[in-house]
């Protein structure tokens, strides 16, 4: 049974989530799913890749989230001539005028912040993209043989333009896998776009009130890890990831036809961790299979490498995930999920 302190902590997190949404609504119009996925990933201590055409407020959303969370914000505009040292920092020789002694002094780069906006991350060569790998995974950078810890909490929120690919450097699968979520930013509705036009063309000064400090965010992120998940929910998340692998015996026909490489173990981990975070943000001290299904597209879409058949027929990763969720419906006593019967026999026996 959860303790009263844990239940109260989840309620505080849920209340803070509602306050953050209210502050974001002052600046960002619509994009509710994008904002939810962004906050789910952040409270799960994950990184996000936001993909959408220009002009959909990707940068504005990230900047406003940083303001609402009272976090140190740093923006890095990725360009073809950007070097790794431009991100991580560099060492310079500094002379003591009194003694004449010279020594190396580390000058921090823009990656030393809480929320790092990696704007148009596919605009820079792989050498510079790789400079983010250690930072994203280890929360540290190594310069001149010395390790420098990054401030906590630390989030990399990268943006990418999906339509203009000339002169770009697509992210390798190893780096894509380090992003917890691939968040798709879509066009606003007609009513939302009208409100955007009216608000942004008027003389309106909106200020976002910080809701949580860095220390509070770190504390609440630890609470997310404590949220329990039932075994059958964890099994469901695991099987969703495993069904994307064509070599699996239970893999559906459409996976064998369209998927070249499926999701790795990080997908299973992030499905469970994201479900915990989403449940806590909604005030529930228990992750459910519905939470897993809600975040499945954001977790899986960038972890599926489709083959030529999918490209020729116009089948996208989102379409494969949609079919997968229909193929493996929620487990119930009346309806057994197709393709994963054996996986749940232990639950039936219990």
Protein backbone atom coordinates (compact mmCIF):
# COMPACT_ATOMS: atom_id res chain seq x y z
CA UNK A 1 0.00 0.00 0.00
CA UNK A 2 1.29 3.48 -0.80
CA UNK A 3 2.12 5.74 2.11
CA UNK A 4 0.19 8.94 2.79
CA UNK A 5 3.29 10.94 1.91
CA UNK A 6 3.51 9.32 -1.52
CA UNK A 7 -0.18 9.92 -2.22
CA UNK A 8 0.15 13.54 -1.17
CA UNK A 9 3.23 13.94 -3.36
CA UNK A 10 1.31 12.64 -6.38
CA UNK A 11 -1.50 15.08 -5.64
CA UNK A 12 1.04 17.93 -5.44
CA UNK A 13 2.46 16.86 -8.80
CA UNK A 14 -1.01 16.74 -10.35
CA UNK A 15 -1.85 20.17 -8.95
CA UNK A 16 1.43 21.57 -10.27
CA UNK A 17 0.67 20.03 -13.66
CA UNK A 18 -2.66 21.86 -13.83
CA UNK A 19 -0.98 25.11 -12.82
CA UNK A 20 1.67 24.66 -15.52
CA UNK A 21 -1.03 24.06 -18.13
CA UNK A 22 -2.79 27.24 -17.02
CA UNK A 23 0.43 29.25 -17.36
CA UNK A 24 1.22 27.74 -20.77
CA UNK A 25 -2.29 28.55 -21.99
CA UNK A 26 -1.45 32.26 -21.58
CA UNK A 27 1.11 31.97 -24.39
CA UNK A 28 0.56 28.72 -26.30
CA UNK A 29 -2.76 28.18 -28.04
CA UNK A 30 -3.83 24.56 -28.52
CA UNK A 31 -1.18 21.82 -28.84
CA UNK A 32 -2.52 20.14 -25.69
CA UNK A 33 -1.20 16.70 -26.60
CA UNK A 34 2.24 18.11 -27.42
CA UNK A 35 2.42 19.88 -24.07
CA UNK A 36 1.27 16.80 -22.16
CA UNK A 37 3.83 14.56 -23.86
CA UNK A 38 6.53 17.13 -23.23
CA UNK A 39 5.75 17.33 -19.51
CA UNK A 40 5.33 13.55 -19.18
CA UNK A 41 8.84 13.11 -20.58
CA UNK A 42 10.34 15.86 -18.44
CA UNK A 43 8.97 14.51 -15.16
CA UNK A 44 10.22 11.08 -16.24
CA UNK A 45 13.66 12.69 -16.75
CA UNK A 46 13.61 11.99 -20.47
CA UNK A 47 14.58 13.99 -23.55
CA UNK A 48 12.22 14.93 -26.39
CA UNK A 49 12.49 15.41 -30.13
CA UNK A 50 9.82 17.78 -31.47
CA UNK A 51 9.14 17.43 -35.18
CA UNK A 52 6.89 19.73 -37.18
CA UNK A 53 6.85 22.15 -40.07
CA UNK A 54 8.08 25.74 -39.45
CA UNK A 55 5.81 28.19 -37.69
CA UNK A 56 4.06 25.78 -35.31
CA UNK A 57 5.51 27.35 -32.13
CA UNK A 58 7.90 24.50 -31.28
CA UNK A 59 10.51 26.92 -29.95
CA UNK A 60 7.87 28.99 -28.15
CA UNK A 61 6.46 25.91 -26.41
CA UNK A 62 9.88 24.85 -25.13
CA UNK A 63 10.80 28.35 -23.97
CA UNK A 64 7.47 28.80 -22.20
CA UNK A 65 7.78 25.42 -20.46
CA UNK A 66 11.19 26.47 -19.16
CA UNK A 67 9.74 29.75 -17.90
CA UNK A 68 6.77 28.03 -16.23
CA UNK A 69 9.12 25.63 -14.46
CA UNK A 70 11.61 28.29 -13.33
CA UNK A 71 14.46 26.50 -15.07
CA UNK A 72 17.59 27.88 -16.69
CA UNK A 73 16.96 27.94 -20.43
CA UNK A 74 19.66 27.71 -23.08
CA UNK A 75 19.15 27.74 -26.83
CA UNK A 76 21.61 26.25 -29.32
CA UNK A 77 20.95 27.02 -32.98
CA UNK A 78 22.45 24.11 -34.90
CA UNK A 79 24.20 25.07 -38.14
CA UNK A 80 26.58 23.24 -40.51
CA UNK A 81 29.61 25.07 -39.11
CA UNK A 82 28.82 24.42 -35.43
CA UNK A 83 31.66 22.61 -33.63
CA UNK A 84 31.42 20.32 -30.56
CA UNK A 85 33.30 22.86 -28.42
CA UNK A 86 30.65 25.44 -29.30
CA UNK A 87 28.20 23.25 -27.35
CA UNK A 88 30.17 21.73 -24.50
CA UNK A 89 32.63 24.55 -23.86
CA UNK A 90 36.39 24.84 -24.16
CA UNK A 91 39.54 25.41 -22.14
CA UNK A 92 41.48 28.66 -22.39
CA UNK A 93 44.80 29.71 -20.95
CA UNK A 94 44.44 32.27 -18.18
CA UNK A 95 47.36 34.19 -16.70
CA UNK A 96 47.54 35.39 -13.12
CA UNK A 97 48.81 38.98 -13.48
CA UNK A 98 50.23 38.99 -9.98
CA UNK A 99 52.36 35.85 -10.27
CA UNK A 100 52.58 35.39 -14.03
CA UNK A 101 51.39 31.80 -13.56
CA UNK A 102 49.34 30.40 -16.41
CA UNK A 103 46.71 27.70 -16.15
CA UNK A 104 43.85 26.25 -18.13
CA UNK A 105 40.39 27.51 -17.28
CA UNK A 106 37.21 25.82 -18.51
CA UNK A 107 34.65 28.10 -20.14
CA UNK A 108 31.23 26.51 -20.01
CA UNK A 109 29.26 26.11 -23.20
CA UNK A 110 25.51 26.64 -23.67
CA UNK A 111 24.79 23.02 -22.77
CA UNK A 112 25.20 23.97 -19.11
CA UNK A 113 21.56 24.68 -18.38
CA UNK A 114 18.41 22.92 -17.24
CA UNK A 115 16.40 23.05 -20.46
CA UNK A 116 18.48 22.89 -23.63
CA UNK A 117 16.73 23.79 -26.87
CA UNK A 118 18.64 22.07 -29.67
CA UNK A 119 17.03 23.99 -32.51
CA UNK A 120 17.05 22.21 -35.89
CA UNK A 121 19.35 19.50 -34.62
CA UNK A 122 19.59 17.87 -38.05
CA UNK A 123 21.31 20.97 -39.47
CA UNK A 124 24.71 20.14 -37.96
CA UNK A 125 27.20 17.37 -38.89
CA UNK A 126 27.31 14.06 -36.95
CA UNK A 127 30.47 15.07 -35.06
CA UNK A 128 28.62 17.92 -33.40
CA UNK A 129 25.43 15.90 -32.94
CA UNK A 130 27.50 13.30 -31.12
CA UNK A 131 28.61 15.94 -28.62
CA UNK A 132 25.12 15.66 -27.16
CA UNK A 133 25.31 11.89 -26.64
CA UNK A 134 27.37 11.89 -23.44
CA UNK A 135 25.43 14.85 -22.08
CA UNK A 136 22.05 13.22 -22.73
CA UNK A 137 23.01 9.84 -21.32
CA UNK A 138 25.49 10.66 -18.54
CA UNK A 139 24.49 14.25 -17.70
CA UNK A 140 28.12 15.29 -18.00
CA UNK A 141 30.63 16.45 -20.60
CA UNK A 142 34.32 15.61 -20.92
CA UNK A 143 36.66 18.37 -22.06
CA UNK A 144 40.44 18.14 -21.92
CA UNK A 145 40.24 14.82 -20.09
CA UNK A 146 38.14 16.31 -17.29
CA UNK A 147 34.52 15.53 -16.56
CA UNK A 148 32.14 18.37 -15.85
CA UNK A 149 28.75 17.58 -14.33
CA UNK A 150 25.71 19.26 -15.83
CA UNK A 151 23.13 21.01 -13.64
CA UNK A 152 20.11 19.03 -12.52
CA UNK A 153 17.47 18.63 -13.75
CA UNK A 154 18.76 18.42 -17.30
CA UNK A 155 16.56 18.08 -20.39
CA UNK A 156 17.43 18.21 -24.08
CA UNK A 157 14.45 19.29 -26.18
CA UNK A 158 15.40 19.19 -29.85
CA UNK A 159 13.42 20.41 -32.85
CA UNK A 160 13.51 19.16 -36.40
CA UNK A 161 11.93 20.22 -39.68
CA UNK A 162 10.50 17.17 -41.51
CA UNK A 163 9.98 18.73 -44.94
CA UNK A 164 13.24 20.51 -45.79
CA UNK A 165 15.95 17.85 -46.00
CA UNK A 166 18.46 19.52 -48.34
CA UNK A 167 21.76 20.13 -46.56
CA UNK A 168 20.72 18.24 -43.44
CA UNK A 169 22.31 15.39 -41.51
CA UNK A 170 19.66 12.87 -40.38
CA UNK A 171 20.12 11.73 -36.80
CA UNK A 172 21.57 8.21 -36.55
CA UNK A 173 19.44 5.54 -34.87
CA UNK A 174 21.75 5.45 -31.84
CA UNK A 175 21.05 9.11 -31.09
CA UNK A 176 17.35 8.91 -31.92
CA UNK A 177 17.03 6.09 -29.39
CA UNK A 178 18.26 8.40 -26.64
CA UNK A 179 15.19 10.59 -27.02
CA UNK A 180 12.40 9.27 -24.83
CA UNK A 181 9.66 10.79 -27.00
CA UNK A 182 9.33 11.76 -30.63
CA UNK A 183 6.60 14.39 -30.40
CA UNK A 184 4.73 15.26 -33.57
CA UNK A 185 3.62 18.91 -33.71
CA UNK A 186 0.66 19.22 -36.05
CA UNK A 187 -1.21 22.18 -37.54
CA UNK A 188 -3.69 23.98 -35.24
CA UNK A 189 -7.42 23.78 -35.81
CA UNK A 190 -9.24 26.62 -37.57
CA UNK A 191 -10.50 28.10 -34.29
CA UNK A 192 -7.06 27.84 -32.70
CA UNK A 193 -5.39 29.47 -35.69
CA UNK A 194 -7.89 32.34 -35.58
CA UNK A 195 -7.08 32.89 -31.90
CA UNK A 196 -3.36 32.78 -32.71
CA UNK A 197 -3.80 35.48 -35.35
CA UNK A 198 -5.90 37.69 -33.08
CA UNK A 199 -3.60 37.35 -30.08
CA UNK A 200 -0.26 37.74 -31.84
CA UNK A 201 -1.31 40.78 -33.88
CA UNK A 202 -2.54 42.74 -30.84
CA UNK A 203 -0.61 44.68 -28.24
CA UNK A 204 -0.81 42.11 -25.46
CA UNK A 205 1.90 41.60 -22.84
CA UNK A 206 1.66 38.17 -21.24
CA UNK A 207 3.93 37.04 -18.43
CA UNK A 208 4.32 33.45 -17.33
CA UNK A 209 4.50 32.89 -13.57
CA UNK A 210 7.07 30.24 -12.54
CA UNK A 211 5.36 27.29 -10.86
CA UNK A 212 8.12 24.90 -9.79
CA UNK A 213 11.80 25.38 -8.99
CA UNK A 214 14.54 22.97 -10.02
CA UNK A 215 14.70 21.33 -6.59
CA UNK A 216 10.95 20.71 -6.56
CA UNK A 217 11.05 19.21 -10.04
CA UNK A 218 13.83 16.82 -9.04
CA UNK A 219 11.83 15.76 -5.98
CA UNK A 220 8.63 15.18 -7.95
CA UNK A 221 10.56 13.26 -10.62
CA UNK A 222 11.65 10.82 -7.91
CA UNK A 223 8.01 10.38 -6.93
CA UNK A 224 7.24 9.31 -10.52
CA UNK A 225 9.69 6.42 -10.15
CA UNK A 226 7.79 5.22 -7.06
CA UNK A 227 4.46 4.93 -8.88
CA UNK A 228 3.65 1.21 -9.03
CA UNK A 229 2.83 -0.65 -12.22
CA UNK A 230 1.01 -3.98 -12.24
CA UNK A 231 2.77 -6.94 -13.81
CA UNK A 232 0.21 -7.32 -16.59
CA UNK A 233 0.67 -3.63 -17.51
CA UNK A 234 4.44 -4.05 -17.64
CA UNK A 235 3.97 -7.20 -19.72
CA UNK A 236 1.68 -5.32 -22.08
CA UNK A 237 4.27 -2.57 -22.56
CA UNK A 238 6.98 -5.16 -23.13
CA UNK A 239 4.94 -7.03 -25.70
CA UNK A 240 4.07 -3.86 -27.62
CA UNK A 241 7.78 -3.27 -28.09
CA UNK A 242 8.59 -6.88 -28.92
CA UNK A 243 5.81 -7.14 -31.51
CA UNK A 244 7.62 -4.51 -33.60
CA UNK A 245 10.46 -6.97 -34.22
CA UNK A 246 9.86 -9.02 -37.34
CA UNK A 247 11.92 -11.96 -36.05
CA UNK A 248 9.52 -12.53 -33.14
CA UNK A 249 7.28 -15.57 -33.58
CA UNK A 250 4.13 -13.56 -32.71
CA UNK A 251 4.99 -10.57 -34.92
CA UNK A 252 1.94 -9.61 -37.03
CA UNK A 253 2.03 -9.82 -40.81
CA UNK A 254 2.13 -6.04 -41.31
CA UNK A 255 5.26 -5.83 -39.14
CA UNK A 256 6.99 -8.52 -41.20
CA UNK A 257 5.96 -6.71 -44.37
CA UNK A 258 6.88 -3.12 -43.48
CA UNK A 259 9.38 -3.07 -40.59
CA UNK A 260 13.09 -3.65 -41.15
CA UNK A 261 14.22 -3.10 -37.54
CA UNK A 262 11.94 -2.90 -34.52
CA UNK A 263 12.17 -1.10 -31.20
CA UNK A 264 14.90 -2.00 -28.72
CA UNK A 265 14.77 -2.48 -24.94
CA UNK A 266 14.68 1.28 -24.28
CA UNK A 267 11.18 1.32 -25.78
CA UNK A 268 9.88 -1.08 -23.11
CA UNK A 269 11.53 0.96 -20.37
CA UNK A 270 10.15 4.26 -21.64
CA UNK A 271 6.65 2.83 -22.14
CA UNK A 272 6.51 1.86 -18.47
CA UNK A 273 8.26 4.99 -17.18
CA UNK A 274 6.12 7.26 -19.37
CA UNK A 275 2.96 5.50 -18.16
CA UNK A 276 4.01 6.13 -14.56
CA UNK A 277 4.66 9.80 -15.27
CA UNK A 278 1.35 10.27 -17.09
CA UNK A 279 -0.57 8.58 -14.28
CA UNK A 280 1.08 10.79 -11.65
CA UNK A 281 0.42 13.98 -13.63
CA UNK A 282 -3.26 13.02 -13.75
CA UNK A 283 -3.32 12.39 -10.00
CA UNK A 284 -3.30 8.58 -10.06
CA UNK A 285 -0.90 6.50 -8.00
CA UNK A 286 -1.07 3.55 -10.37
CA UNK A 287 -0.08 3.27 -14.04
CA UNK A 288 -2.53 1.52 -16.33
CA UNK A 289 -2.46 -0.02 -19.80
CA UNK A 290 -4.39 3.03 -21.03
CA UNK A 291 -1.41 5.17 -20.02
CA UNK A 292 0.86 2.87 -22.01
CA UNK A 293 -1.34 3.13 -25.08
CA UNK A 294 -1.55 6.93 -24.79
CA UNK A 295 2.22 7.38 -25.04
CA UNK A 296 2.97 4.44 -27.35
CA UNK A 297 3.12 6.53 -30.59
CA UNK A 298 5.58 9.03 -29.05
CA UNK A 299 7.80 6.21 -27.76
CA UNK A 300 7.74 3.96 -30.83
CA UNK A 301 7.53 6.15 -33.93
CA UNK A 302 11.23 7.01 -34.03
CA UNK A 303 12.36 3.53 -33.05
CA UNK A 304 10.92 1.75 -36.09
CA UNK A 305 13.07 1.53 -39.19
CA UNK A 306 10.72 0.85 -42.09
CA UNK A 307 11.73 -0.96 -45.27
CA UNK A 308 11.27 -0.21 -48.96
CA UNK A 309 7.81 -1.78 -49.04
CA UNK A 310 6.55 0.75 -46.51
CA UNK A 311 8.12 3.64 -48.41
CA UNK A 312 6.66 2.45 -51.73
CA UNK A 313 3.15 2.10 -50.28
CA UNK A 314 3.28 5.29 -48.20
CA UNK A 315 3.05 3.46 -44.87
CA UNK A 316 4.41 5.55 -41.99
CA UNK A 317 5.67 4.55 -38.56
CA UNK A 318 2.52 6.07 -37.03
CA UNK A 319 0.39 3.81 -39.21
CA UNK A 320 2.35 0.76 -38.06
CA UNK A 321 1.90 1.79 -34.40
CA UNK A 322 -1.82 2.38 -34.97
CA UNK A 323 -2.21 -1.11 -36.43
CA UNK A 324 -0.15 -2.54 -33.59
CA UNK A 325 -2.42 -1.01 -30.94
CA UNK A 326 -5.44 -2.43 -32.77
CA UNK A 327 -3.73 -5.82 -33.09
CA UNK A 328 -2.91 -6.02 -29.38
CA UNK A 329 -5.97 -4.58 -27.57
CA UNK A 330 -6.20 -4.22 -23.82
CA UNK A 331 -6.42 -7.47 -21.93
CA UNK A 332 -9.77 -8.37 -20.39
CA UNK A 333 -11.43 -11.56 -19.19
CA UNK A 334 -13.85 -11.48 -22.12
CA UNK A 335 -11.53 -10.54 -24.99
CA UNK A 336 -8.10 -12.10 -25.26
CA UNK A 337 -5.58 -10.03 -27.23
CA UNK A 338 -4.63 -11.50 -30.59
CA UNK A 339 -1.00 -12.44 -30.98
CA UNK A 340 -0.17 -12.27 -27.29
CA UNK A 341 -2.32 -15.11 -25.89
CA UNK A 342 0.66 -17.04 -24.59
CA UNK A 343 1.98 -13.92 -22.92
CA UNK A 344 -1.10 -13.66 -20.70
CA UNK A 345 -1.63 -17.33 -19.91
CA UNK A 346 0.30 -16.89 -16.69
CA UNK A 347 -2.10 -14.08 -15.71
CA UNK A 348 -5.11 -16.33 -16.48
CA UNK A 349 -3.58 -19.12 -14.42
CA UNK A 350 -3.18 -16.74 -11.52
